[in-house]
Structure formats: structure tokens, C-alpha cells
Amino acid sequence: AIYSFSQFINGYRVTYAQQLLRDHPEKKMAQEGMESGFVNDTTFYRVFKSITGFTPSEWLSSVSGS
């Protein structure tokens, strides 16, 4: 597959956000998005869902088993 530079970078941002979500589930989702390099929570949620198929909270529930 061919990716644009922004898609490539967003893939790394989402991977980092997933690590933060796993390591710090007590933090707000939007804060994890900002720490991952997204400019706002809307962009974070949209890109996260487009890459993983889940919203951040859905993804966290699926990996935490709750």
C-alpha cells in the first residue's frame, strides 16, 4: 500500500497513543491524543478510528478485557 507522509506519521501517533492508553488508562482520551501529537481531539478520534476501526475507548475496552 502507498501512504502519504501524514498517513505514515499518523500511524506512529496512533501506535504511541495506544501505548499511552494502555499505560495510563486513568488519563483523559483527548489528553492522550494531544500527547501523541494530534492538534485536537476531533482529529485524534477520527484518525484513530480510521486506522484501528475503533474509537479510543472501544479499543481500550477490547484490549483491557473490561
C-alpha atoms as a PDB file:
ATOM      1  CA  ALA A   1       0.000   0.000   0.000  1.00  0.00           C
ATOM      2  CA  ILE A   2       1.094   3.538  -0.672  1.00  0.00           C
ATOM      3  CA  TYR A   3       0.768   6.008   2.170  1.00  0.00           C
ATOM      4  CA  SER A   4       1.113   9.758   2.255  1.00  0.00           C
ATOM      5  CA  PHE A   5       3.600  11.239   4.682  1.00  0.00           C
ATOM      6  CA  SER A   6       0.788  12.361   7.008  1.00  0.00           C
ATOM      7  CA  GLN A   7      -0.733   8.858   6.994  1.00  0.00           C
ATOM      8  CA  PHE A   8       2.685   7.422   7.825  1.00  0.00           C
ATOM      9  CA  ILE A   9       3.172   9.840  10.738  1.00  0.00           C
ATOM     10  CA  ASN A  10      -0.398   9.345  11.970  1.00  0.00           C
ATOM     11  CA  GLY A  11       0.234   5.596  12.100  1.00  0.00           C
ATOM     12  CA  TYR A  12       3.092   6.210  14.533  1.00  0.00           C
ATOM     13  CA  ARG A  13       0.986   8.698  16.505  1.00  0.00           C
ATOM     14  CA  VAL A  14      -1.824   6.154  16.890  1.00  0.00           C
ATOM     15  CA  THR A  15       0.632   3.438  17.943  1.00  0.00           C
ATOM     16  CA  TYR A  16       2.060   5.789  20.564  1.00  0.00           C
ATOM     17  CA  ALA A  17      -1.450   6.774  21.710  1.00  0.00           C
ATOM     18  CA  GLN A  18      -2.291   3.068  22.117  1.00  0.00           C
ATOM     19  CA  GLN A  19       0.757   2.661  24.355  1.00  0.00           C
ATOM     20  CA  LEU A  20      -0.256   5.699  26.427  1.00  0.00           C
ATOM     21  CA  LEU A  21      -3.856   4.467  26.706  1.00  0.00           C
ATOM     22  CA  ARG A  22      -2.657   1.071  27.945  1.00  0.00           C
ATOM     23  CA  ASP A  23      -0.115   2.528  30.366  1.00  0.00           C
ATOM     24  CA  HIS A  24      -2.290   5.373  31.705  1.00  0.00           C
ATOM     25  CA  PRO A  25      -5.974   4.420  31.414  1.00  0.00           C
ATOM     26  CA  GLU A  26      -6.834   6.995  34.086  1.00  0.00           C
ATOM     27  CA  LYS A  27      -5.946   9.904  31.786  1.00  0.00           C
ATOM     28  CA  LYS A  28      -8.494  11.548  29.516  1.00  0.00           C
ATOM     29  CA  MET A  29      -8.572  10.232  25.945  1.00  0.00           C
ATOM     30  CA  ALA A  30      -8.179  13.718  24.451  1.00  0.00           C
ATOM     31  CA  GLN A  31      -5.076  14.309  26.587  1.00  0.00           C
ATOM     32  CA  GLU A  32      -3.502  11.119  25.239  1.00  0.00           C
ATOM     33  CA  GLY A  33      -4.260  12.349  21.723  1.00  0.00           C
ATOM     34  CA  MET A  34      -2.540  15.673  22.353  1.00  0.00           C
ATOM     35  CA  GLU A  35       0.479  13.915  23.885  1.00  0.00           C
ATOM     36  CA  SER A  36       0.635  11.749  20.761  1.00  0.00           C
ATOM     37  CA  GLY A  37       0.962  14.770  18.505  1.00  0.00           C
ATOM     38  CA  PHE A  38      -2.587  15.369  17.323  1.00  0.00           C
ATOM     39  CA  VAL A  39      -3.644  19.016  17.189  1.00  0.00           C
ATOM     40  CA  ASN A  40      -7.130  18.445  18.624  1.00  0.00           C
ATOM     41  CA  ASP A  41      -9.347  15.696  19.953  1.00  0.00           C
ATOM     42  CA  THR A  42     -11.571  15.610  16.855  1.00  0.00           C
ATOM     43  CA  THR A  43      -8.623  14.787  14.609  1.00  0.00           C
ATOM     44  CA  PHE A  44      -7.320  12.257  17.133  1.00  0.00           C
ATOM     45  CA  TYR A  45     -10.643  10.368  17.302  1.00  0.00           C
ATOM     46  CA  ARG A  46     -11.139  10.446  13.516  1.00  0.00           C
ATOM     47  CA  VAL A  47      -7.629   9.203  12.677  1.00  0.00           C
ATOM     48  CA  PHE A  48      -7.600   6.636  15.497  1.00  0.00           C
ATOM     49  CA  LYS A  49     -10.869   5.128  14.251  1.00  0.00           C
ATOM     50  CA  SER A  50      -9.765   5.181  10.607  1.00  0.00           C
ATOM     51  CA  ILE A  51      -6.593   3.256  11.466  1.00  0.00           C
ATOM     52  CA  THR A  52      -7.842   0.829  14.133  1.00  0.00           C
ATOM     53  CA  GLY A  53     -11.538   0.553  13.289  1.00  0.00           C
ATOM     54  CA  PHE A  54     -12.360   1.505  16.887  1.00  0.00           C
ATOM     55  CA  THR A  55     -12.741   4.693  18.862  1.00  0.00           C
ATOM     56  CA  PRO A  56     -10.016   5.053  21.521  1.00  0.00           C
ATOM     57  CA  SER A  57     -12.399   3.981  24.302  1.00  0.00           C
ATOM     58  CA  GLU A  58     -13.672   0.978  22.298  1.00  0.00           C
ATOM     59  CA  TRP A  59     -10.087  -0.050  21.585  1.00  0.00           C
ATOM     60  CA  LEU A  60      -9.057   0.292  25.233  1.00  0.00           C
ATOM     61  CA  SER A  61     -12.017  -1.822  26.344  1.00  0.00           C
ATOM     62  CA  SER A  62     -11.116  -4.508  23.809  1.00  0.00           C
ATOM     63  CA  VAL A  63      -7.510  -4.772  24.994  1.00  0.00           C
ATOM     64  CA  SER A  64      -8.159  -4.408  28.705  1.00  0.00           C
ATOM     65  CA  GLY A  65     -10.841  -7.082  28.706  1.00  0.00           C
ATOM     66  CA  SER A  66     -13.366  -4.912  30.539  1.00  0.00           C
END
